[in-house]
Amino acid sequence: MITQRPKGTQDWYGESMQKRTVLEKMARDLCKVYNIKEVITPVFEHTELFQRGVGETTDVVQKEMYTFTDKGDRSISLKPEGTAGAIRAYLENSMYAESQPTKLFYVTPAFRYEKPQSGRMRQHHQFGVEFIGSKSPLAEVELITLVTTFIRKLGLKDAKLHINSIGCANCRKKYNDALLAYLHKHEEKLCPTCKERMQKNPLRVIDCKVPECKEIVADAPRTIDYLDEECKEHFEELQALLTELNIPFEIDTGIVRGLDYYTKTVFEFVNEDGFTLCGGGRYDNLIHEIDGKQDIPSVGFGMGIERILYFLEKEGVELEKAPTPELYVGILGKEARAKAYQLVNELRLAGVVVETDYMDRSVKAQMKYANKIGAKNTVVLGSDELEKRVAVVKNMDTHEQTEVALDEIAGLFINILYDRQGLKCTSGVSRKTFVLDKTLEEAWDQEVKERFLTKYL
């Protein structure tokens, strides 16, 4: 090989791809019942969007972004997170002119140059939601409820909701003064980055991961003690709503989130080891920061798909497996190829998972392959089967064999599929034409049901 995949990236295939597919489908299905519409934005944006939106003093912008100058001499960055791009799309496409609120979700790749570790990659994927247009704490509750439901549906047990309020610009000024006064007493022990943050955005010091800095900020003033009346009332109503809805939470004054756009509510879902599974909050000033003509409140969250998959594996949670073929259609001789593939195609059109031979294997090798891929049943078509118009269907678990007319094979396996889905075919139609009847009227061929379905289900 001339090269390998870049450090901090992953190839998705097989079991890992199946798990990711199931997780993303669950996310999309859940957003559907919350009436949240999907948005897809470019993988790269103008660097200014992230500098203004995410914040120039954040680690993301200062240390982690993939930024380059394109052939038009423009500064371009791969998206490090999903919110800024979604909000840019909201503004650029005048979604604010429609009835509000606007609720958007995305499943997107994101890029951050950081040390790769379990559940954290340089190219990773985020599931996120943006709820735009509402000042009400009920907007936060909706997203927290969605995340709580999603985590429960996934089967994760170790995830606790932590909340905090970092206030708005009005109360932040008083807090910054108090925080600076405290930090100046310990300035010599702060890391160089935090010394710089003190001048530009003191709140970022609280988020520092350097052990010495973490020890210093442990006794620093907390935003929750400096909230003005509006922010205090907002936070108290949020707590009351969560309590009323029986959603357990913990007030964690150490949460400030790592991005500059947050105001008022911030929240995280954290496991017992202190790892964050999901983070979000309110960002009422972000839209104004990107477009000075607009001033629209918003709230959102993001969660890393790789991180969720990592903790699912750690907790031993099994997601839905990929379906194995209901039938393997073996081929004996060139003269049977067309009829075999006609059967395969007919079943696939009806939604039945079927596989056949493309490698010109012997029948013995085909049966070995069918067993390897987990086919539940097999049938082999050759010149004898074509002449007699009958073939033998074999159950690969019980090894029972049943003779079935060629023209009935497709109908029988379609019946199996519909039976599993709780659907029936209507009476009075041919075996080749099945019409779904969702009223579940009894229309089975009882002889077939007793002779075949009992054996092969």
Protein backbone atom coordinates (compact mmCIF):
# COMPACT_ATOMS: atom_id res chain seq x y z
CA MET A 1 0.00 0.00 0.00
CA ILE A 2 1.18 3.52 -0.75
CA THR A 3 -0.54 5.06 2.27
CA GLN A 4 -2.83 4.49 5.25
CA ARG A 5 -5.74 6.45 6.64
CA PRO A 6 -4.71 9.65 8.47
CA LYS A 7 -4.24 9.52 12.23
CA GLY A 8 -7.45 10.17 14.14
CA THR A 9 -9.78 8.92 11.39
CA GLN A 10 -11.76 5.70 11.00
CA ASP A 11 -13.02 3.47 8.21
CA TRP A 12 -16.65 2.51 8.75
CA TYR A 13 -17.71 -0.94 7.58
CA GLY A 14 -19.20 -4.21 8.82
CA GLU A 15 -20.34 -4.30 12.45
CA SER A 16 -19.16 -0.77 13.29
CA MET A 17 -21.07 0.65 10.32
CA GLN A 18 -24.19 -1.30 11.31
CA LYS A 19 -24.05 0.12 14.85
CA ARG A 20 -23.60 3.65 13.53
CA THR A 21 -26.46 3.17 11.04
CA VAL A 22 -28.79 1.98 13.81
CA LEU A 23 -27.81 4.87 16.09
CA GLU A 24 -28.31 7.49 13.37
CA LYS A 25 -31.66 5.99 12.38
CA MET A 26 -32.81 6.14 16.00
CA ALA A 27 -31.77 9.81 16.12
CA ARG A 28 -33.64 10.62 12.91
CA ASP A 29 -36.75 8.70 13.97
CA LEU A 30 -36.81 10.51 17.32
CA CYS A 31 -36.44 13.92 15.66
CA LYS A 32 -39.34 13.04 13.38
CA VAL A 33 -41.76 12.67 16.31
CA TYR A 34 -40.46 15.96 17.74
CA ASN A 35 -41.18 17.61 14.35
CA ILE A 36 -37.50 18.54 13.91
CA LYS A 37 -36.34 18.83 10.30
CA GLU A 38 -32.93 17.75 9.01
CA VAL A 39 -30.41 20.29 7.70
CA ILE A 40 -27.20 19.51 5.81
CA THR A 41 -24.54 22.21 5.59
CA PRO A 42 -21.12 22.23 3.87
CA VAL A 43 -18.23 20.37 5.45
CA PHE A 44 -16.18 23.58 5.19
CA GLU A 45 -17.10 27.21 5.85
CA HIS A 46 -15.34 30.58 5.81
CA THR A 47 -13.06 30.67 8.84
CA GLU A 48 -14.64 33.91 10.03
CA LEU A 49 -17.87 32.08 10.83
CA PHE A 50 -16.17 30.00 13.50
CA GLN A 51 -14.01 32.86 14.76
CA ARG A 52 -17.09 35.01 15.32
CA GLY A 53 -19.50 32.23 16.29
CA VAL A 54 -17.46 29.71 18.26
CA GLY A 55 -15.12 32.34 19.71
CA GLU A 56 -11.51 33.33 19.02
CA THR A 57 -10.45 32.55 22.62
CA THR A 58 -11.70 28.96 22.58
CA ASP A 59 -9.41 25.95 22.25
CA VAL A 60 -11.42 24.91 19.19
CA VAL A 61 -10.48 28.06 17.25
CA GLN A 62 -7.04 28.62 18.74
CA LYS A 63 -5.69 25.07 18.60
CA GLU A 64 -7.97 22.55 16.94
CA MET A 65 -9.39 23.84 13.64
CA TYR A 66 -8.26 22.55 10.26
CA THR A 67 -7.78 25.86 8.41
CA PHE A 68 -6.30 26.48 4.98
CA THR A 69 -6.18 29.14 2.29
CA ASP A 70 -7.95 28.08 -0.90
CA LYS A 71 -6.98 28.93 -4.49
CA GLY A 72 -9.06 32.09 -4.27
CA ASP A 73 -6.94 33.26 -1.32
CA ARG A 74 -9.87 32.76 1.09
CA SER A 75 -9.42 31.35 4.59
CA ILE A 76 -11.48 28.18 4.82
CA SER A 77 -11.97 25.83 7.80
CA LEU A 78 -13.39 22.34 8.08
CA LYS A 79 -16.33 22.54 10.46
CA PRO A 80 -15.28 21.78 14.07
CA GLU A 81 -18.92 21.55 15.24
CA GLY A 82 -22.41 21.76 13.77
CA THR A 83 -24.12 24.78 15.35
CA ALA A 84 -22.38 27.67 13.56
CA GLY A 85 -23.03 26.20 10.10
CA ALA A 86 -26.67 25.43 10.91
CA ILE A 87 -27.26 28.98 12.16
CA ARG A 88 -25.51 30.42 9.09
CA ALA A 89 -27.87 28.34 6.91
CA TYR A 90 -30.86 29.55 8.96
CA LEU A 91 -29.90 33.16 8.32
CA GLU A 92 -28.71 32.89 4.73
CA ASN A 93 -31.86 31.06 3.66
CA SER A 94 -34.18 33.45 5.57
CA MET A 95 -35.74 30.69 7.64
CA TYR A 96 -36.54 33.39 10.20
CA ALA A 97 -39.18 34.70 7.77
CA GLU A 98 -41.21 31.51 8.29
CA SER A 99 -43.42 30.80 11.28
CA GLN A 100 -41.28 30.28 14.35
CA PRO A 101 -39.80 28.39 16.08
CA THR A 102 -37.50 26.62 13.64
CA LYS A 103 -36.22 23.23 14.78
CA LEU A 104 -33.32 21.69 12.88
CA PHE A 105 -31.20 18.59 13.40
CA TYR A 106 -28.07 17.32 11.71
CA VAL A 107 -25.84 14.27 11.59
CA THR A 108 -22.57 15.66 10.35
CA PRO A 109 -18.83 15.03 10.20
CA ALA A 110 -16.75 17.44 12.28
CA PHE A 111 -13.01 17.98 12.40
CA ARG A 112 -10.74 18.89 15.32
CA TYR A 113 -6.99 18.52 15.51
CA GLU A 114 -6.56 16.97 18.94
CA LYS A 115 -4.93 13.90 20.42
CA PRO A 116 -6.99 10.88 19.31
CA GLN A 117 -8.43 8.78 22.14
CA SER A 118 -11.31 6.40 22.77
CA GLY A 119 -14.51 8.00 21.51
CA ARG A 120 -12.75 11.13 20.27
CA MET A 121 -11.36 11.32 16.75
CA ARG A 122 -9.93 14.09 14.56
CA GLN A 123 -12.72 13.38 12.11
CA HIS A 124 -15.76 12.51 14.16
CA HIS A 125 -19.51 12.71 13.69
CA GLN A 126 -22.07 14.72 15.61
CA PHE A 127 -25.78 14.41 16.12
CA GLY A 128 -27.14 17.82 17.07
CA VAL A 129 -30.35 19.84 17.30
CA GLU A 130 -30.89 23.60 17.09
CA PHE A 131 -34.14 25.07 18.48
CA ILE A 132 -34.35 28.62 17.15
CA GLY A 133 -36.75 31.41 18.03
CA SER A 134 -37.88 30.77 21.62
CA LYS A 135 -36.80 32.48 24.84
CA SER A 136 -38.80 30.06 26.97
CA PRO A 137 -36.97 27.53 29.18
CA LEU A 138 -39.45 25.04 27.70
CA ALA A 139 -37.15 25.00 24.65
CA GLU A 140 -34.29 23.69 26.83
CA VAL A 141 -36.69 21.19 28.40
CA GLU A 142 -37.67 19.89 24.96
CA LEU A 143 -34.06 19.21 24.01
CA ILE A 144 -33.20 17.72 27.41
CA THR A 145 -36.26 15.48 27.11
CA LEU A 146 -35.19 14.43 23.61
CA VAL A 147 -31.67 13.55 24.78
CA THR A 148 -33.04 11.72 27.83
CA THR A 149 -35.35 9.69 25.60
CA PHE A 150 -32.57 8.98 23.10
CA ILE A 151 -30.18 7.75 25.80
CA ARG A 152 -32.91 5.54 27.26
CA LYS A 153 -33.81 4.07 23.86
CA LEU A 154 -30.15 3.30 23.22
CA GLY A 155 -29.99 1.42 26.51
CA LEU A 156 -27.29 3.53 28.21
CA LYS A 157 -27.65 3.45 31.99
CA ASP A 158 -24.72 5.62 33.07
CA ALA A 159 -25.73 9.15 32.06
CA LYS A 160 -26.75 11.91 34.47
CA LEU A 161 -28.00 15.39 33.59
CA HIS A 162 -25.92 18.29 34.93
CA ILE A 163 -27.15 21.88 34.49
CA ASN A 164 -25.84 25.36 35.20
CA SER A 165 -26.51 28.96 34.22
CA ILE A 166 -23.69 31.20 33.05
CA GLY A 167 -25.97 34.23 32.76
CA CYS A 168 -26.21 36.86 30.05
CA ALA A 169 -24.01 39.81 29.11
CA ASN A 170 -25.53 41.95 31.89
CA CYS A 171 -24.73 39.65 34.80
CA ARG A 172 -21.56 38.34 33.14
CA LYS A 173 -19.86 41.73 33.59
CA LYS A 174 -20.22 41.61 37.39
CA TYR A 175 -19.12 38.01 37.42
CA ASN A 176 -16.06 38.68 35.25
CA ASP A 177 -14.98 41.44 37.65
CA ALA A 178 -15.24 39.06 40.60
CA LEU A 179 -13.50 36.25 38.71
CA LEU A 180 -10.65 38.51 37.59
CA ALA A 181 -10.12 39.74 41.12
CA TYR A 182 -9.79 36.13 42.25
CA LEU A 183 -7.57 35.03 39.33
CA HIS A 184 -5.15 37.93 39.79
CA LYS A 185 -4.26 36.50 43.20
CA HIS A 186 -3.16 33.26 41.50
CA GLU A 187 -1.98 34.59 38.15
CA GLU A 188 1.61 33.38 38.51
CA LYS A 189 0.44 29.74 38.78
CA LEU A 190 -1.86 29.87 35.75
CA CYS A 191 -0.80 28.35 32.43
CA PRO A 192 0.18 30.77 29.60
CA THR A 193 -3.12 30.16 27.79
CA CYS A 194 -5.17 31.07 30.87
CA LYS A 195 -3.13 34.21 31.41
CA GLU A 196 -4.14 35.25 27.90
CA ARG A 197 -7.74 34.22 28.50
CA MET A 198 -7.88 36.46 31.56
CA GLN A 199 -7.53 39.45 29.26
CA LYS A 200 -9.95 38.35 26.53
CA ASN A 201 -12.53 36.06 28.15
CA PRO A 202 -11.99 35.18 31.82
CA LEU A 203 -14.81 32.60 31.82
CA ARG A 204 -12.68 30.35 29.59
CA VAL A 205 -10.25 29.87 32.49
CA ILE A 206 -12.93 27.86 34.30
CA ASP A 207 -12.89 25.41 31.38
CA CYS A 208 -9.11 24.85 31.40
CA LYS A 209 -8.00 21.19 31.56
CA VAL A 210 -4.49 21.87 32.96
CA PRO A 211 -4.39 20.29 36.47
CA GLU A 212 -2.81 23.33 38.15
CA CYS A 213 -5.43 25.64 36.67
CA LYS A 214 -8.26 23.26 37.61
CA GLU A 215 -7.04 23.30 41.19
CA ILE A 216 -7.03 27.12 41.24
CA VAL A 217 -10.50 27.56 39.73
CA ALA A 218 -12.02 25.01 42.11
CA ASP A 219 -12.50 27.83 44.64
CA ALA A 220 -13.23 30.58 42.10
CA PRO A 221 -16.53 32.54 42.13
CA ARG A 222 -19.40 30.82 40.32
CA THR A 223 -21.69 32.34 37.69
CA ILE A 224 -24.81 31.11 39.47
CA ASP A 225 -24.15 33.57 42.33
CA TYR A 226 -24.10 36.58 39.97
CA LEU A 227 -27.26 36.07 37.91
CA ASP A 228 -29.53 39.04 37.34
CA GLU A 229 -33.27 38.68 37.98
CA GLU A 230 -34.14 37.61 34.43
CA CYS A 231 -31.47 34.91 34.27
CA LYS A 232 -32.23 33.74 37.79
CA GLU A 233 -35.95 33.45 37.00
CA HIS A 234 -35.17 31.58 33.77
CA PHE A 235 -32.96 29.07 35.61
CA GLU A 236 -35.48 28.55 38.40
CA GLU A 237 -38.28 27.89 35.90
CA LEU A 238 -36.08 25.39 34.08
CA GLN A 239 -35.49 23.50 37.33
CA ALA A 240 -39.22 23.56 38.16
CA LEU A 241 -40.12 22.16 34.73
CA LEU A 242 -37.55 19.37 34.97
CA THR A 243 -38.77 18.49 38.44
CA GLU A 244 -42.39 18.45 37.30
CA LEU A 245 -41.45 16.12 34.43
CA ASN A 246 -39.54 13.78 36.77
CA ILE A 247 -36.25 14.37 34.95
CA PRO A 248 -33.49 14.09 37.58
CA PHE A 249 -30.72 16.67 37.40
CA GLU A 250 -27.77 18.02 39.33
CA ILE A 251 -26.69 21.67 39.47
CA ASP A 252 -23.03 21.69 38.46
CA THR A 253 -21.48 25.16 38.71
CA GLY A 254 -18.33 23.94 36.98
CA ILE A 255 -20.08 23.64 33.61
CA VAL A 256 -19.37 26.62 31.35
CA ARG A 257 -19.03 24.71 28.03
CA GLY A 258 -16.07 25.23 25.72
CA LEU A 259 -17.65 27.57 23.17
CA ASP A 260 -18.15 31.30 23.53
CA TYR A 261 -21.68 31.49 22.16
CA TYR A 262 -23.44 30.06 25.24
CA THR A 263 -25.64 32.23 27.48
CA LYS A 264 -27.90 31.37 30.42
CA THR A 265 -28.53 27.61 30.45
CA VAL A 266 -25.73 25.14 29.84
CA PHE A 267 -26.12 21.40 30.33
CA GLU A 268 -24.26 18.14 29.97
CA PHE A 269 -25.06 14.46 30.27
CA VAL A 270 -22.15 12.97 32.21
CA ASN A 271 -21.25 9.41 33.22
CA GLU A 272 -19.86 8.36 36.59
CA ASP A 273 -16.27 8.66 35.31
CA GLY A 274 -16.85 12.31 34.43
CA PHE A 275 -16.94 11.89 30.65
CA THR A 276 -19.44 14.05 28.78
CA LEU A 277 -21.81 12.13 26.49
CA CYS A 278 -23.72 15.19 25.30
CA GLY A 279 -23.46 18.94 25.81
CA GLY A 280 -25.58 21.93 24.97
CA GLY A 281 -27.25 25.08 26.14
CA ARG A 282 -28.75 28.41 25.19
CA TYR A 283 -27.01 30.83 22.83
CA ASP A 284 -29.21 33.90 22.54
CA ASN A 285 -26.41 36.11 21.14
CA LEU A 286 -25.01 33.83 18.44
CA ILE A 287 -27.36 34.90 15.65
CA HIS A 288 -26.67 38.58 16.36
CA GLU A 289 -22.93 37.82 16.36
CA ILE A 290 -23.19 36.29 12.87
CA ASP A 291 -25.73 38.80 11.49
CA GLY A 292 -25.95 42.09 13.35
CA LYS A 293 -29.39 42.77 11.83
CA GLN A 294 -30.98 39.80 13.61
CA ASP A 295 -31.47 39.14 17.31
CA ILE A 296 -33.10 35.73 17.75
CA PRO A 297 -32.81 33.44 20.81
CA SER A 298 -31.74 29.84 20.33
CA VAL A 299 -30.81 26.68 22.19
CA GLY A 300 -29.17 23.47 21.03
CA PHE A 301 -27.02 20.44 21.80
CA GLY A 302 -24.48 18.19 20.16
CA MET A 303 -23.29 14.68 20.91
CA GLY A 304 -20.42 12.73 19.40
CA ILE A 305 -21.55 9.53 17.69
CA GLU A 306 -18.19 7.81 18.20
CA ARG A 307 -18.29 8.64 21.90
CA ILE A 308 -21.82 7.25 22.29
CA LEU A 309 -20.81 4.05 20.48
CA TYR A 310 -17.74 3.76 22.73
CA PHE A 311 -19.83 3.94 25.90
CA LEU A 312 -22.45 1.57 24.49
CA GLU A 313 -19.69 -0.97 24.01
CA LYS A 314 -18.26 -0.22 27.44
CA GLU A 315 -21.65 -0.86 29.06
CA GLY A 316 -22.16 -3.99 26.98
CA VAL A 317 -25.24 -2.64 25.20
CA GLU A 318 -26.08 -4.48 21.98
CA LEU A 319 -27.70 -2.60 19.12
CA GLU A 320 -29.84 -4.18 16.42
CA LYS A 321 -27.86 -6.55 14.24
CA ALA A 322 -27.86 -6.34 10.45
CA PRO A 323 -30.53 -8.61 8.96
CA THR A 324 -29.25 -11.91 7.61
CA PRO A 325 -30.62 -13.29 4.33
CA GLU A 326 -34.02 -14.96 4.60
CA LEU A 327 -33.12 -17.09 1.60
CA TYR A 328 -30.03 -18.06 -0.32
CA VAL A 329 -30.79 -19.00 -3.93
CA GLY A 330 -28.17 -21.44 -5.20
CA ILE A 331 -27.53 -21.86 -8.92
CA LEU A 332 -26.58 -25.13 -10.61
CA GLY A 333 -25.69 -24.53 -14.25
CA LYS A 334 -25.91 -21.53 -16.55
CA GLU A 335 -29.40 -22.43 -17.73
CA ALA A 336 -30.76 -21.71 -14.22
CA ARG A 337 -29.21 -18.27 -13.80
CA ALA A 338 -32.05 -16.24 -15.28
CA LYS A 339 -34.78 -18.01 -13.31
CA ALA A 340 -32.74 -17.87 -10.11
CA TYR A 341 -32.15 -14.15 -10.44
CA GLN A 342 -35.78 -13.57 -11.38
CA LEU A 343 -36.72 -15.11 -8.02
CA VAL A 344 -34.06 -13.07 -6.21
CA ASN A 345 -35.26 -9.85 -7.81
CA GLU A 346 -38.93 -10.57 -7.09
CA LEU A 347 -38.20 -11.14 -3.41
CA ARG A 348 -35.98 -8.08 -3.11
CA LEU A 349 -38.69 -5.90 -4.65
CA ALA A 350 -40.98 -7.09 -1.86
CA GLY A 351 -38.38 -6.22 0.79
CA VAL A 352 -37.07 -9.71 1.52
CA VAL A 353 -33.31 -10.00 2.12
CA VAL A 354 -31.98 -12.55 -0.40
CA GLU A 355 -28.55 -13.56 -1.64
CA THR A 356 -27.36 -15.68 -4.54
CA ASP A 357 -24.18 -16.89 -6.24
CA TYR A 358 -22.03 -14.52 -8.29
CA MET A 359 -18.74 -16.47 -8.04
CA ASP A 360 -19.58 -19.64 -10.03
CA ARG A 361 -19.03 -21.75 -6.93
CA SER A 362 -19.90 -25.42 -6.70
CA VAL A 363 -23.17 -26.24 -4.94
CA LYS A 364 -21.22 -27.47 -1.91
CA ALA A 365 -19.25 -24.21 -1.78
CA GLN A 366 -22.47 -22.21 -2.21
CA MET A 367 -24.06 -23.97 0.77
CA LYS A 368 -20.94 -23.32 2.84
CA TYR A 369 -21.12 -19.64 1.90
CA ALA A 370 -24.86 -19.50 2.68
CA ASN A 371 -24.14 -20.87 6.14
CA LYS A 372 -21.32 -18.36 6.67
CA ILE A 373 -23.52 -15.35 5.88
CA GLY A 374 -26.28 -16.68 8.15
CA ALA A 375 -28.92 -17.45 5.52
CA LYS A 376 -31.99 -18.87 7.24
CA ASN A 377 -33.08 -20.98 4.24
CA THR A 378 -31.61 -22.19 0.99
CA VAL A 379 -32.94 -23.37 -2.34
CA VAL A 380 -30.94 -24.59 -5.33
CA LEU A 381 -32.20 -24.14 -8.89
CA GLY A 382 -30.83 -26.31 -11.70
CA SER A 383 -32.07 -27.96 -14.86
CA ASP A 384 -34.06 -30.61 -12.92
CA GLU A 385 -35.87 -27.96 -10.86
CA LEU A 386 -36.67 -25.95 -13.97
CA GLU A 387 -38.06 -29.03 -15.72
CA LYS A 388 -40.17 -30.27 -12.77
CA ARG A 389 -41.17 -26.72 -11.71
CA VAL A 390 -40.43 -27.76 -8.11
CA ALA A 391 -37.49 -27.05 -5.79
CA VAL A 392 -36.47 -28.07 -2.27
CA VAL A 393 -36.33 -25.33 0.37
CA LYS A 394 -34.03 -26.22 3.27
CA ASN A 395 -34.09 -24.67 6.74
CA MET A 396 -30.44 -24.14 7.67
CA ASP A 397 -31.07 -24.48 11.42
CA THR A 398 -33.29 -27.57 11.53
CA HIS A 399 -32.13 -29.06 8.19
CA GLU A 400 -35.78 -29.82 7.39
CA GLN A 401 -36.57 -29.83 3.68
CA THR A 402 -39.81 -29.00 1.92
CA GLU A 403 -40.72 -29.32 -1.74
CA VAL A 404 -42.26 -26.09 -3.05
CA ALA A 405 -43.51 -25.21 -6.53
CA LEU A 406 -41.21 -22.66 -8.17
CA ASP A 407 -44.05 -20.21 -8.66
CA GLU A 408 -44.89 -20.36 -4.93
CA ILE A 409 -41.42 -19.73 -3.47
CA ALA A 410 -41.58 -15.94 -3.70
CA GLY A 411 -45.08 -15.82 -2.24
CA LEU A 412 -44.14 -18.01 0.70
CA PHE A 413 -41.19 -15.84 1.73
CA ILE A 414 -43.17 -12.66 1.21
CA ASN A 415 -45.78 -14.13 3.56
CA ILE A 416 -43.05 -14.72 6.14
CA LEU A 417 -41.96 -11.11 5.88
CA TYR A 418 -45.49 -9.73 6.13
CA ASP A 419 -46.30 -12.01 9.04
CA ARG A 420 -43.34 -10.66 10.99
CA GLN A 421 -44.48 -7.12 10.26
CA GLY A 422 -48.01 -7.89 11.46
CA LEU A 423 -49.47 -7.61 7.96
CA LYS A 424 -51.52 -9.99 5.85
CA CYS A 425 -52.16 -10.39 2.16
CA THR A 426 -55.73 -9.99 1.01
CA SER A 427 -57.62 -13.04 -0.16
CA GLY A 428 -58.54 -13.59 -3.78
CA VAL A 429 -55.22 -12.50 -5.25
CA SER A 430 -52.59 -14.59 -6.97
CA ARG A 431 -49.46 -15.81 -5.19
CA LYS A 432 -47.39 -13.38 -7.23
CA THR A 433 -49.40 -10.27 -6.32
CA PHE A 434 -49.61 -9.37 -2.64
CA VAL A 435 -51.59 -6.37 -1.44
CA LEU A 436 -51.00 -5.13 2.11
CA ASP A 437 -54.11 -5.13 4.25
CA LYS A 438 -53.39 -3.21 7.44
CA THR A 439 -56.74 -4.15 8.94
CA LEU A 440 -55.14 -7.58 9.50
CA GLU A 441 -58.08 -9.53 8.02
CA GLU A 442 -57.54 -13.28 8.13
CA ALA A 443 -56.43 -14.30 4.65
CA TRP A 444 -53.82 -17.01 5.11
CA ASP A 445 -53.70 -20.20 3.12
CA GLN A 446 -53.99 -22.46 6.18
CA GLU A 447 -52.45 -25.46 4.45
CA VAL A 448 -49.37 -23.44 3.51
CA LYS A 449 -49.21 -21.93 6.96
CA GLU A 450 -49.19 -25.35 8.63
CA ARG A 451 -46.91 -26.99 6.08
CA PHE A 452 -44.28 -24.29 5.67
CA LEU A 453 -44.45 -21.27 7.95
CA THR A 454 -44.49 -23.31 11.15
CA LYS A 455 -41.27 -25.00 10.06
CA TYR A 456 -39.39 -21.96 8.89
CA LEU A 457 -40.29 -19.17 11.29
